[in-house]
Amino acid sequence: MRRGAPVSVDPGSERVIAGRYRLLSPLGEGGMGTVWLARDEVLRREVAVKEVRAPAGLPAADVERMYTRLEREAWAAARVGNRNVVTVYDVATDEGRPWIVMELVRGISLAELLDAEGPLSPQRAAHIGAEVLSALRAAHEAGVLHRDVKPGNVLLSNDGRVVLTDFGIAMVEGSSALTMTGEVVGSPEFLAPERALGRTPGPESDLWSLGVLLYAAVEGSSPFRHDTPLSTLRAIVDEELPPPRRAGPLTPVIEGLLRKDPAERLPAARAEQGLRLIGAGGTPRADTAPTTPYVPTVAAHRQPPTPTPPQPSPAAPAATTV
């Protein structure tokens, strides 16, 4: 098999990874590979196993570096101790590639829920958002940026947990990026302006993505989505936020998270406080969102940098990912 090529395994086959994890059936496809339902033959339990694949055309030396970094960063995600973060059990190596082994979360994704039921009430969206933010705060405290917060990466488990998944493109503080020059990782409509401009992301970039998620949850669509990835990125950088019409008490939280200047974004602690209150049926104070208006840092006579178009990637899986 070609190094980095996808593994073709039919349900019921006998493919065993690292002599321990028996692949049973595919659960979904994501930007970084395939997620499989598998059985841990040692502990005799079902798990989810992510088969990681390098982008097509990546030179062999870059593939090696990418797999090394992914393995390191999967272990970094494993140290995030929070009930709202999918638990990573192991990073197995098979045929020179990392396979990420994690808990199997049974349920549906927020994306699937929105497709089936349409926009959520502000109270329900706030509850989900507060749980996602709890996961993000734990990750940020551990020095891990998620970089792909979106409805497809939020699982609503059958036992009531809200679980943030897919740390496959996560970035550990102080580490180098996993991508090739000119590539933007993550879903374009959820990228923060600073990431669309190719600048170094920080925890505030994940908070922006959470704001877009909340907007999409209550309004039915993300605020800056256009027909092409590049036009979407331009809208994120240049266009004003379309006023939410269905957000109700969530409006100040959403607007506070979607300030284009990361320094002016609503701090995580205040955002979670507001979301918890709204999720419990209350209404936050009017000062939840920052009152200082956003002032563009680019002078009027200068053209803003052109956003870098992202590389195409498959749709995110609805099953557990990391």
C-alpha atoms as a PDB file:
ATOM      1  CA  MET A   1       0.000   0.000   0.000  1.00  0.00           C
ATOM      2  CA  ARG A   2       1.254   3.495  -0.848  1.00  0.00           C
ATOM      3  CA  ARG A   3       2.387   5.396   2.238  1.00  0.00           C
ATOM      4  CA  GLY A   4      -0.292   7.914   3.230  1.00  0.00           C
ATOM      5  CA  ALA A   5      -2.966   6.312   1.010  1.00  0.00           C
ATOM      6  CA  PRO A   6      -6.396   5.625   2.496  1.00  0.00           C
ATOM      7  CA  VAL A   7      -7.021   2.152   3.844  1.00  0.00           C
ATOM      8  CA  SER A   8      -9.901   0.288   2.227  1.00  0.00           C
ATOM      9  CA  VAL A   9     -11.512  -1.973   4.805  1.00  0.00           C
ATOM     10  CA  ASP A  10     -14.914  -3.550   4.297  1.00  0.00           C
ATOM     11  CA  PRO A  11     -17.166  -4.194   7.304  1.00  0.00           C
ATOM     12  CA  GLY A  12     -16.322  -7.558   8.808  1.00  0.00           C
ATOM     13  CA  SER A  13     -12.728  -7.586   7.571  1.00  0.00           C
ATOM     14  CA  GLU A  14      -9.877  -8.705   9.772  1.00  0.00           C
ATOM     15  CA  ARG A  15      -7.654  -5.615   9.585  1.00  0.00           C
ATOM     16  CA  VAL A  16      -6.027  -5.110  12.980  1.00  0.00           C
ATOM     17  CA  ILE A  17      -4.067  -1.932  13.750  1.00  0.00           C
ATOM     18  CA  ALA A  18      -0.896  -2.206  15.847  1.00  0.00           C
ATOM     19  CA  GLY A  19      -1.826  -5.801  16.708  1.00  0.00           C
ATOM     20  CA  ARG A  20      -4.645  -4.585  18.958  1.00  0.00           C
ATOM     21  CA  TYR A  21      -7.418  -2.504  17.365  1.00  0.00           C
ATOM     22  CA  ARG A  22      -9.706  -4.444  15.009  1.00  0.00           C
ATOM     23  CA  LEU A  23     -11.442  -2.193  12.448  1.00  0.00           C
ATOM     24  CA  LEU A  24     -15.144  -3.019  12.199  1.00  0.00           C
ATOM     25  CA  SER A  25     -16.783  -0.372   9.994  1.00  0.00           C
ATOM     26  CA  PRO A  26     -16.250   3.253   8.921  1.00  0.00           C
ATOM     27  CA  LEU A  27     -18.072   5.895  10.977  1.00  0.00           C
ATOM     28  CA  GLY A  28     -17.309   8.951   8.876  1.00  0.00           C
ATOM     29  CA  GLU A  29     -14.875  11.000   6.837  1.00  0.00           C
ATOM     30  CA  GLY A  30     -13.051  14.142   7.927  1.00  0.00           C
ATOM     31  CA  GLY A  31     -10.486  16.564   6.625  1.00  0.00           C
ATOM     32  CA  MET A  32      -7.639  14.561   8.133  1.00  0.00           C
ATOM     33  CA  GLY A  33      -8.806  11.000   7.449  1.00  0.00           C
ATOM     34  CA  THR A  34     -11.399   8.341   8.242  1.00  0.00           C
ATOM     35  CA  VAL A  35     -12.915   7.433  11.593  1.00  0.00           C
ATOM     36  CA  TRP A  36     -13.566   3.750  12.240  1.00  0.00           C
ATOM     37  CA  LEU A  37     -15.616   1.825  14.725  1.00  0.00           C
ATOM     38  CA  ALA A  38     -13.091  -0.616  16.182  1.00  0.00           C
ATOM     39  CA  ARG A  39     -12.673  -3.142  18.959  1.00  0.00           C
ATOM     40  CA  ASP A  40      -9.810  -3.015  21.434  1.00  0.00           C
ATOM     41  CA  GLU A  41      -8.851  -6.698  21.607  1.00  0.00           C
ATOM     42  CA  VAL A  42      -6.866  -6.180  24.810  1.00  0.00           C
ATOM     43  CA  LEU A  43      -9.458  -4.329  26.914  1.00  0.00           C
ATOM     44  CA  ARG A  44     -12.395  -5.858  24.993  1.00  0.00           C
ATOM     45  CA  ARG A  45     -14.282  -2.643  24.373  1.00  0.00           C
ATOM     46  CA  GLU A  46     -15.449  -0.654  21.376  1.00  0.00           C
ATOM     47  CA  VAL A  47     -13.454   2.446  20.515  1.00  0.00           C
ATOM     48  CA  ALA A  48     -13.212   4.980  17.710  1.00  0.00           C
ATOM     49  CA  VAL A  49      -9.999   4.906  15.684  1.00  0.00           C
ATOM     50  CA  LYS A  50      -8.998   7.752  13.388  1.00  0.00           C
ATOM     51  CA  GLU A  51      -6.933   6.836  10.371  1.00  0.00           C
ATOM     52  CA  VAL A  52      -4.785   9.895   9.650  1.00  0.00           C
ATOM     53  CA  ARG A  53      -3.898  10.684   6.041  1.00  0.00           C
ATOM     54  CA  ALA A  54      -1.457  13.241   4.680  1.00  0.00           C
ATOM     55  CA  PRO A  55      -2.682  15.593   1.931  1.00  0.00           C
ATOM     56  CA  ALA A  56      -2.139  14.281  -1.592  1.00  0.00           C
ATOM     57  CA  GLY A  57       1.067  15.464  -3.206  1.00  0.00           C
ATOM     58  CA  LEU A  58       2.887  16.249   0.012  1.00  0.00           C
ATOM     59  CA  PRO A  59       6.615  15.374  -0.282  1.00  0.00           C
ATOM     60  CA  ALA A  60       7.757  12.354   1.698  1.00  0.00           C
ATOM     61  CA  ALA A  61       9.870  14.426   4.101  1.00  0.00           C
ATOM     62  CA  ASP A  62       6.895  16.670   4.849  1.00  0.00           C
ATOM     63  CA  VAL A  63       4.684  13.624   5.362  1.00  0.00           C
ATOM     64  CA  GLU A  64       7.105  12.320   7.991  1.00  0.00           C
ATOM     65  CA  ARG A  65       7.147  15.669   9.783  1.00  0.00           C
ATOM     66  CA  MET A  66       3.370  15.943   9.638  1.00  0.00           C
ATOM     67  CA  TYR A  67       2.817  12.504  11.145  1.00  0.00           C
ATOM     68  CA  THR A  68       5.342  13.219  13.886  1.00  0.00           C
ATOM     69  CA  ARG A  69       3.597  16.480  14.771  1.00  0.00           C
ATOM     70  CA  LEU A  70       0.139  14.925  14.627  1.00  0.00           C
ATOM     71  CA  GLU A  71       1.232  12.199  17.009  1.00  0.00           C
ATOM     72  CA  ARG A  72       2.702  14.764  19.398  1.00  0.00           C
ATOM     73  CA  GLU A  73      -0.343  16.980  19.227  1.00  0.00           C
ATOM     74  CA  ALA A  74      -2.777  14.083  19.676  1.00  0.00           C
ATOM     75  CA  TRP A  75      -1.007  13.346  22.931  1.00  0.00           C
ATOM     76  CA  ALA A  76      -1.298  17.018  23.801  1.00  0.00           C
ATOM     77  CA  ALA A  77      -5.059  16.864  23.253  1.00  0.00           C
ATOM     78  CA  ALA A  78      -5.107  13.750  25.437  1.00  0.00           C
ATOM     79  CA  ARG A  79      -3.908  15.809  28.386  1.00  0.00           C
ATOM     80  CA  VAL A  80      -6.967  18.078  28.214  1.00  0.00           C
ATOM     81  CA  GLY A  81      -8.964  16.786  31.167  1.00  0.00           C
ATOM     82  CA  ASN A  82     -12.550  17.891  30.652  1.00  0.00           C
ATOM     83  CA  ARG A  83     -15.815  15.958  30.330  1.00  0.00           C
ATOM     84  CA  ASN A  84     -16.654  18.014  27.240  1.00  0.00           C
ATOM     85  CA  VAL A  85     -13.514  16.914  25.353  1.00  0.00           C
ATOM     86  CA  VAL A  86     -13.344  13.534  23.651  1.00  0.00           C
ATOM     87  CA  THR A  87     -10.935  11.255  25.543  1.00  0.00           C
ATOM     88  CA  VAL A  88      -7.853  10.073  23.642  1.00  0.00           C
ATOM     89  CA  TYR A  89      -6.768   6.596  24.759  1.00  0.00           C
ATOM     90  CA  ASP A  90      -3.783   5.881  22.555  1.00  0.00           C
ATOM     91  CA  VAL A  91      -1.792   6.888  19.488  1.00  0.00           C
ATOM     92  CA  ALA A  92      -0.924   3.658  17.729  1.00  0.00           C
ATOM     93  CA  THR A  93       1.602   3.413  14.897  1.00  0.00           C
ATOM     94  CA  ASP A  94       0.896   1.075  12.011  1.00  0.00           C
ATOM     95  CA  GLU A  95       2.849   1.020   8.737  1.00  0.00           C
ATOM     96  CA  GLY A  96       4.597   4.210   9.793  1.00  0.00           C
ATOM     97  CA  ARG A  97       1.389   6.219  10.285  1.00  0.00           C
ATOM     98  CA  PRO A  98      -0.346   7.363  13.474  1.00  0.00           C
ATOM     99  CA  TRP A  99      -3.814   6.012  14.275  1.00  0.00           C
ATOM    100  CA  ILE A 100      -5.566   7.962  17.016  1.00  0.00           C
ATOM    101  CA  VAL A 101      -7.614   5.818  19.397  1.00  0.00           C
ATOM    102  CA  MET A 102     -10.346   7.498  21.434  1.00  0.00           C
ATOM    103  CA  GLU A 103     -13.576   6.948  23.275  1.00  0.00           C
ATOM    104  CA  LEU A 104     -16.608   6.075  21.205  1.00  0.00           C
ATOM    105  CA  VAL A 105     -19.269   8.752  21.706  1.00  0.00           C
ATOM    106  CA  ARG A 106     -22.701   7.608  20.597  1.00  0.00           C
ATOM    107  CA  GLY A 107     -24.998  10.398  19.495  1.00  0.00           C
ATOM    108  CA  ILE A 108     -25.409  12.944  16.723  1.00  0.00           C
ATOM    109  CA  SER A 109     -23.479  16.042  15.779  1.00  0.00           C
ATOM    110  CA  LEU A 110     -24.833  19.544  16.221  1.00  0.00           C
ATOM    111  CA  ALA A 111     -24.701  19.858  12.419  1.00  0.00           C
ATOM    112  CA  GLU A 112     -27.013  16.856  12.078  1.00  0.00           C
ATOM    113  CA  LEU A 113     -29.369  18.279  14.692  1.00  0.00           C
ATOM    114  CA  LEU A 114     -29.570  21.616  12.864  1.00  0.00           C
ATOM    115  CA  ASP A 115     -30.195  19.843   9.555  1.00  0.00           C
ATOM    116  CA  ALA A 116     -33.004  17.788  11.094  1.00  0.00           C
ATOM    117  CA  GLU A 117     -34.694  20.375  13.331  1.00  0.00           C
ATOM    118  CA  GLY A 118     -33.634  23.770  12.021  1.00  0.00           C
ATOM    119  CA  PRO A 119     -32.495  26.697  14.198  1.00  0.00           C
ATOM    120  CA  LEU A 120     -32.390  26.201  17.961  1.00  0.00           C
ATOM    121  CA  SER A 121     -33.892  28.376  20.659  1.00  0.00           C
ATOM    122  CA  PRO A 122     -31.444  30.825  22.266  1.00  0.00           C
ATOM    123  CA  GLN A 123     -31.671  28.904  25.543  1.00  0.00           C
ATOM    124  CA  ARG A 124     -30.778  25.546  23.971  1.00  0.00           C
ATOM    125  CA  ALA A 125     -28.005  27.052  21.862  1.00  0.00           C
ATOM    126  CA  ALA A 126     -26.589  28.788  24.943  1.00  0.00           C
ATOM    127  CA  HIS A 127     -26.475  25.506  26.875  1.00  0.00           C
ATOM    128  CA  ILE A 128     -24.564  23.785  24.065  1.00  0.00           C
ATOM    129  CA  GLY A 129     -22.289  26.802  23.627  1.00  0.00           C
ATOM    130  CA  ALA A 130     -21.433  26.886  27.336  1.00  0.00           C
ATOM    131  CA  GLU A 131     -20.358  23.241  27.241  1.00  0.00           C
ATOM    132  CA  VAL A 132     -18.235  23.808  24.137  1.00  0.00           C
ATOM    133  CA  LEU A 133     -16.652  26.837  25.773  1.00  0.00           C
ATOM    134  CA  SER A 134     -15.835  24.762  28.853  1.00  0.00           C
ATOM    135  CA  ALA A 135     -13.957  22.369  26.563  1.00  0.00           C
ATOM    136  CA  LEU A 136     -12.142  25.233  24.840  1.00  0.00           C
ATOM    137  CA  ARG A 137     -11.086  26.842  28.107  1.00  0.00           C
ATOM    138  CA  ALA A 138      -9.649  23.536  29.310  1.00  0.00           C
ATOM    139  CA  ALA A 139      -7.782  23.107  26.013  1.00  0.00           C
ATOM    140  CA  HIS A 140      -6.427  26.660  26.111  1.00  0.00           C
ATOM    141  CA  GLU A 141      -5.230  26.191  29.687  1.00  0.00           C
ATOM    142  CA  ALA A 142      -3.304  23.147  28.441  1.00  0.00           C
ATOM    143  CA  GLY A 143      -1.791  25.244  25.624  1.00  0.00           C
ATOM    144  CA  VAL A 144      -3.882  23.632  22.864  1.00  0.00           C
ATOM    145  CA  LEU A 145      -5.795  25.590  20.202  1.00  0.00           C
ATOM    146  CA  HIS A 146      -8.592  23.649  18.512  1.00  0.00           C
ATOM    147  CA  ARG A 147      -8.694  25.669  15.234  1.00  0.00           C
ATOM    148  CA  ASP A 148     -11.810  23.962  13.790  1.00  0.00           C
ATOM    149  CA  VAL A 149     -14.765  24.727  16.071  1.00  0.00           C
ATOM    150  CA  LYS A 150     -17.959  24.137  14.062  1.00  0.00           C
ATOM    151  CA  PRO A 151     -21.279  22.253  14.419  1.00  0.00           C
ATOM    152  CA  GLY A 152     -19.884  19.138  12.730  1.00  0.00           C
ATOM    153  CA  ASN A 153     -17.262  18.833  15.477  1.00  0.00           C
ATOM    154  CA  VAL A 154     -19.708  19.098  18.383  1.00  0.00           C
ATOM    155  CA  LEU A 155     -21.310  15.810  19.422  1.00  0.00           C
ATOM    156  CA  LEU A 156     -24.520  15.580  21.430  1.00  0.00           C
ATOM    157  CA  SER A 157     -24.208  12.207  23.110  1.00  0.00           C
ATOM    158  CA  ASN A 158     -27.079   9.949  24.071  1.00  0.00           C
ATOM    159  CA  ASP A 159     -26.260  10.463  27.761  1.00  0.00           C
ATOM    160  CA  GLY A 160     -26.612  14.252  27.523  1.00  0.00           C
ATOM    161  CA  ARG A 161     -22.945  15.198  27.227  1.00  0.00           C
ATOM    162  CA  VAL A 162     -21.837  17.862  24.773  1.00  0.00           C
ATOM    163  CA  VAL A 163     -18.442  16.796  23.435  1.00  0.00           C
ATOM    164  CA  LEU A 164     -15.973  18.806  21.370  1.00  0.00           C
ATOM    165  CA  THR A 165     -14.162  16.518  18.936  1.00  0.00           C
ATOM    166  CA  ASP A 166     -11.672  16.634  16.069  1.00  0.00           C
ATOM    167  CA  PHE A 167      -8.425  17.942  17.484  1.00  0.00           C
ATOM    168  CA  GLY A 168      -6.805  16.568  14.303  1.00  0.00           C
ATOM    169  CA  ILE A 169      -5.652  20.051  13.230  1.00  0.00           C
ATOM    170  CA  ALA A 170      -5.167  21.358  16.744  1.00  0.00           C
ATOM    171  CA  MET A 171      -2.063  23.398  17.412  1.00  0.00           C
ATOM    172  CA  VAL A 172       0.038  23.200  20.562  1.00  0.00           C
ATOM    173  CA  GLU A 173       1.349  26.475  21.932  1.00  0.00           C
ATOM    174  CA  GLY A 174       4.884  27.050  20.693  1.00  0.00           C
ATOM    175  CA  SER A 175       4.758  24.363  18.008  1.00  0.00           C
ATOM    176  CA  SER A 176       4.985  24.873  14.273  1.00  0.00           C
ATOM    177  CA  ALA A 177       1.956  24.591  12.016  1.00  0.00           C
ATOM    178  CA  LEU A 178       1.035  21.277  10.403  1.00  0.00           C
ATOM    179  CA  THR A 179       0.182  22.663   7.007  1.00  0.00           C
ATOM    180  CA  MET A 180       1.972  23.438   3.788  1.00  0.00           C
ATOM    181  CA  THR A 181       2.796  27.026   2.892  1.00  0.00           C
ATOM    182  CA  GLY A 182      -0.297  28.877   1.692  1.00  0.00           C
ATOM    183  CA  GLU A 183      -2.776  26.347   3.097  1.00  0.00           C
ATOM    184  CA  VAL A 184      -5.481  27.407   5.536  1.00  0.00           C
ATOM    185  CA  VAL A 185      -6.799  24.666   7.792  1.00  0.00           C
ATOM    186  CA  GLY A 186     -10.302  24.566   9.185  1.00  0.00           C
ATOM    187  CA  SER A 187     -13.681  25.443   7.669  1.00  0.00           C
ATOM    188  CA  PRO A 188     -13.567  28.853   5.933  1.00  0.00           C
ATOM    189  CA  GLU A 189     -16.868  30.229   7.255  1.00  0.00           C
ATOM    190  CA  PHE A 190     -15.780  29.596  10.865  1.00  0.00           C
ATOM    191  CA  LEU A 191     -12.273  31.088  10.581  1.00  0.00           C
ATOM    192  CA  ALA A 192     -11.436  34.213  12.576  1.00  0.00           C
ATOM    193  CA  PRO A 193     -10.350  37.319  10.607  1.00  0.00           C
ATOM    194  CA  GLU A 194      -6.777  37.077  11.851  1.00  0.00           C
ATOM    195  CA  ARG A 195      -6.546  33.507  10.561  1.00  0.00           C
ATOM    196  CA  ALA A 196      -8.122  34.477   7.236  1.00  0.00           C
ATOM    197  CA  LEU A 197      -5.307  37.023   6.910  1.00  0.00           C
ATOM    198  CA  GLY A 198      -2.661  34.417   7.684  1.00  0.00           C
ATOM    199  CA  ARG A 199      -1.770  35.811  11.097  1.00  0.00           C
ATOM    200  CA  THR A 200      -0.841  33.759  14.145  1.00  0.00           C
ATOM    201  CA  PRO A 201      -3.977  32.514  15.921  1.00  0.00           C
ATOM    202  CA  GLY A 202      -4.553  32.565  19.659  1.00  0.00           C
ATOM    203  CA  PRO A 203      -7.314  31.418  22.022  1.00  0.00           C
ATOM    204  CA  GLU A 204      -9.419  34.370  20.808  1.00  0.00           C
ATOM    205  CA  SER A 205      -9.536  32.733  17.361  1.00  0.00           C
ATOM    206  CA  ASP A 206     -11.374  29.728  18.819  1.00  0.00           C
ATOM    207  CA  LEU A 207     -13.751  32.143  20.584  1.00  0.00           C
ATOM    208  CA  TRP A 208     -14.615  33.759  17.238  1.00  0.00           C
ATOM    209  CA  SER A 209     -15.419  30.310  15.814  1.00  0.00           C
ATOM    210  CA  LEU A 210     -17.667  29.653  18.799  1.00  0.00           C
ATOM    211  CA  GLY A 211     -19.455  32.930  18.072  1.00  0.00           C
ATOM    212  CA  VAL A 212     -20.067  31.825  14.477  1.00  0.00           C
ATOM    213  CA  LEU A 213     -21.326  28.463  15.749  1.00  0.00           C
ATOM    214  CA  LEU A 214     -23.800  30.184  18.089  1.00  0.00           C
ATOM    215  CA  TYR A 215     -24.961  32.516  15.306  1.00  0.00           C
ATOM    216  CA  ALA A 216     -25.518  29.556  12.962  1.00  0.00           C
ATOM    217  CA  ALA A 217     -27.335  27.606  15.681  1.00  0.00           C
ATOM    218  CA  VAL A 218     -29.991  30.268  16.243  1.00  0.00           C
ATOM    219  CA  GLU A 219     -30.130  31.956  12.821  1.00  0.00           C
ATOM    220  CA  GLY A 220     -29.937  28.861  10.623  1.00  0.00           C
ATOM    221  CA  SER A 221     -26.799  29.862   8.692  1.00  0.00           C
ATOM    222  CA  SER A 222     -23.366  31.239   9.439  1.00  0.00           C
ATOM    223  CA  PRO A 223     -23.026  35.032   9.110  1.00  0.00           C
ATOM    224  CA  PHE A 224     -20.281  35.305   6.481  1.00  0.00           C
ATOM    225  CA  ARG A 225     -20.920  32.329   4.188  1.00  0.00           C
ATOM    226  CA  HIS A 226     -20.546  33.112   0.465  1.00  0.00           C
ATOM    227  CA  ASP A 227     -20.457  30.997  -2.679  1.00  0.00           C
ATOM    228  CA  THR A 228     -16.703  30.360  -2.666  1.00  0.00           C
ATOM    229  CA  PRO A 229     -14.099  29.914   0.080  1.00  0.00           C
ATOM    230  CA  LEU A 230     -12.194  33.017  -1.024  1.00  0.00           C
ATOM    231  CA  SER A 231     -15.307  35.239  -1.061  1.00  0.00           C
ATOM    232  CA  THR A 232     -16.210  33.856   2.356  1.00  0.00           C
ATOM    233  CA  LEU A 233     -12.780  34.785   3.719  1.00  0.00           C
ATOM    234  CA  ARG A 234     -13.059  38.259   2.225  1.00  0.00           C
ATOM    235  CA  ALA A 235     -16.453  38.721   3.899  1.00  0.00           C
ATOM    236  CA  ILE A 236     -15.019  37.642   7.249  1.00  0.00           C
ATOM    237  CA  VAL A 237     -12.298  40.280   6.961  1.00  0.00           C
ATOM    238  CA  ASP A 238     -14.241  43.146   5.374  1.00  0.00           C
ATOM    239  CA  GLU A 239     -17.993  42.853   5.980  1.00  0.00           C
ATOM    240  CA  GLU A 240     -19.990  43.923   9.015  1.00  0.00           C
ATOM    241  CA  LEU A 241     -21.753  41.268  11.069  1.00  0.00           C
ATOM    242  CA  PRO A 242     -25.348  40.835   9.839  1.00  0.00           C
ATOM    243  CA  PRO A 243     -27.510  41.645  12.886  1.00  0.00           C
ATOM    244  CA  PRO A 244     -28.879  38.473  14.534  1.00  0.00           C
ATOM    245  CA  ARG A 245     -32.678  38.321  14.303  1.00  0.00           C
ATOM    246  CA  ARG A 246     -33.500  35.220  16.329  1.00  0.00           C
ATOM    247  CA  ALA A 247     -30.785  35.333  19.000  1.00  0.00           C
ATOM    248  CA  GLY A 248     -32.733  37.242  21.659  1.00  0.00           C
ATOM    249  CA  PRO A 249     -30.715  37.269  24.899  1.00  0.00           C
ATOM    250  CA  LEU A 250     -27.819  35.607  23.047  1.00  0.00           C
ATOM    251  CA  THR A 251     -27.259  38.680  20.896  1.00  0.00           C
ATOM    252  CA  PRO A 252     -24.738  40.488  23.158  1.00  0.00           C
ATOM    253  CA  VAL A 253     -22.709  37.297  23.628  1.00  0.00           C
ATOM    254  CA  ILE A 254     -22.603  36.585  19.888  1.00  0.00           C
ATOM    255  CA  GLU A 255     -21.696  40.178  19.058  1.00  0.00           C
ATOM    256  CA  GLY A 256     -19.045  40.180  21.785  1.00  0.00           C
ATOM    257  CA  LEU A 257     -17.407  37.034  20.406  1.00  0.00           C
ATOM    258  CA  LEU A 258     -17.542  38.296  16.817  1.00  0.00           C
ATOM    259  CA  ARG A 259     -15.476  41.463  17.233  1.00  0.00           C
ATOM    260  CA  LYS A 260     -12.995  41.514  14.364  1.00  0.00           C
ATOM    261  CA  ASP A 261     -10.136  42.694  16.586  1.00  0.00           C
ATOM    262  CA  PRO A 262      -9.194  39.708  18.795  1.00  0.00           C
ATOM    263  CA  ALA A 263      -8.163  42.074  21.605  1.00  0.00           C
ATOM    264  CA  GLU A 264     -11.740  43.384  21.787  1.00  0.00           C
ATOM    265  CA  ARG A 265     -13.474  39.999  21.846  1.00  0.00           C
ATOM    266  CA  LEU A 266     -15.577  39.001  24.822  1.00  0.00           C
ATOM    267  CA  PRO A 267     -13.298  37.175  27.310  1.00  0.00           C
ATOM    268  CA  ALA A 268     -13.955  33.461  27.709  1.00  0.00           C
ATOM    269  CA  ALA A 269     -14.932  33.682  31.388  1.00  0.00           C
ATOM    270  CA  ARG A 270     -17.527  36.392  30.752  1.00  0.00           C
ATOM    271  CA  ALA A 271     -18.847  34.566  27.703  1.00  0.00           C
ATOM    272  CA  GLU A 272     -19.304  31.343  29.650  1.00  0.00           C
ATOM    273  CA  GLN A 273     -21.001  33.197  32.491  1.00  0.00           C
ATOM    274  CA  GLY A 274     -23.474  34.731  30.037  1.00  0.00           C
ATOM    275  CA  LEU A 275     -24.090  31.433  28.259  1.00  0.00           C
ATOM    276  CA  ARG A 276     -24.734  29.593  31.536  1.00  0.00           C
ATOM    277  CA  LEU A 277     -27.215  32.251  32.579  1.00  0.00           C
ATOM    278  CA  ILE A 278     -29.082  32.173  29.256  1.00  0.00           C
ATOM    279  CA  GLY A 279     -29.013  28.378  29.232  1.00  0.00           C
ATOM    280  CA  ALA A 280     -30.729  28.420  32.620  1.00  0.00           C
ATOM    281  CA  GLY A 281     -33.448  30.725  31.300  1.00  0.00           C
ATOM    282  CA  GLY A 282     -32.009  34.057  32.444  1.00  0.00           C
ATOM    283  CA  THR A 283     -30.902  37.176  30.608  1.00  0.00           C
ATOM    284  CA  PRO A 284     -27.371  38.609  30.917  1.00  0.00           C
ATOM    285  CA  ARG A 285     -26.766  42.251  31.766  1.00  0.00           C
ATOM    286  CA  ALA A 286     -26.537  44.712  28.929  1.00  0.00           C
ATOM    287  CA  ASP A 287     -22.780  45.122  29.508  1.00  0.00           C
ATOM    288  CA  THR A 288     -21.979  41.513  28.574  1.00  0.00           C
ATOM    289  CA  ALA A 289     -20.566  42.597  25.212  1.00  0.00           C
ATOM    290  CA  PRO A 290     -17.687  45.046  24.864  1.00  0.00           C
ATOM    291  CA  THR A 291     -18.883  48.602  24.306  1.00  0.00           C
ATOM    292  CA  THR A 292     -15.787  49.848  22.463  1.00  0.00           C
ATOM    293  CA  PRO A 293     -16.555  49.837  18.731  1.00  0.00           C
ATOM    294  CA  TYR A 294     -14.246  47.975  16.433  1.00  0.00           C
ATOM    295  CA  VAL A 295     -11.886  50.332  14.588  1.00  0.00           C
ATOM    296  CA  PRO A 296     -10.091  48.743  11.610  1.00  0.00           C
ATOM    297  CA  THR A 297      -6.334  48.739  12.013  1.00  0.00           C
ATOM    298  CA  VAL A 298      -5.771  49.100   8.248  1.00  0.00           C
ATOM    299  CA  ALA A 299      -5.736  52.710   7.065  1.00  0.00           C
ATOM    300  CA  ALA A 300      -8.523  53.681   4.677  1.00  0.00           C
ATOM    301  CA  HIS A 301      -6.158  54.349   1.788  1.00  0.00           C
ATOM    302  CA  ARG A 302      -4.504  50.939   2.040  1.00  0.00           C
ATOM    303  CA  GLN A 303      -5.858  47.699   0.680  1.00  0.00           C
ATOM    304  CA  PRO A 304      -6.194  44.892   3.263  1.00  0.00           C
ATOM    305  CA  PRO A 305      -4.146  41.750   2.657  1.00  0.00           C
ATOM    306  CA  THR A 306      -5.804  39.180   0.423  1.00  0.00           C
ATOM    307  CA  PRO A 307      -7.010  36.127   2.383  1.00  0.00           C
ATOM    308  CA  THR A 308      -5.384  32.844   1.444  1.00  0.00           C
ATOM    309  CA  PRO A 309      -7.906  30.386  -0.063  1.00  0.00           C
ATOM    310  CA  PRO A 310      -8.082  27.081   1.834  1.00  0.00           C
ATOM    311  CA  GLN A 311      -7.357  23.726   0.303  1.00  0.00           C
ATOM    312  CA  PRO A 312     -10.526  21.648  -0.268  1.00  0.00           C
ATOM    313  CA  SER A 313     -11.220  18.948   2.281  1.00  0.00           C
ATOM    314  CA  PRO A 314     -13.957  16.339   2.763  1.00  0.00           C
ATOM    315  CA  ALA A 315     -16.911  17.111   4.975  1.00  0.00           C
ATOM    316  CA  ALA A 316     -16.453  16.604   8.689  1.00  0.00           C
ATOM    317  CA  PRO A 317     -17.702  13.281  10.074  1.00  0.00           C
ATOM    318  CA  ALA A 318     -20.701  13.169  12.333  1.00  0.00           C
ATOM    319  CA  ALA A 319     -18.992  10.391  14.307  1.00  0.00           C
ATOM    320  CA  THR A 320     -16.357  10.800  16.972  1.00  0.00           C
ATOM    321  CA  THR A 321     -13.175  12.420  15.671  1.00  0.00           C
ATOM    322  CA  VAL A 322     -10.034  13.851  17.149  1.00  0.00           C
END
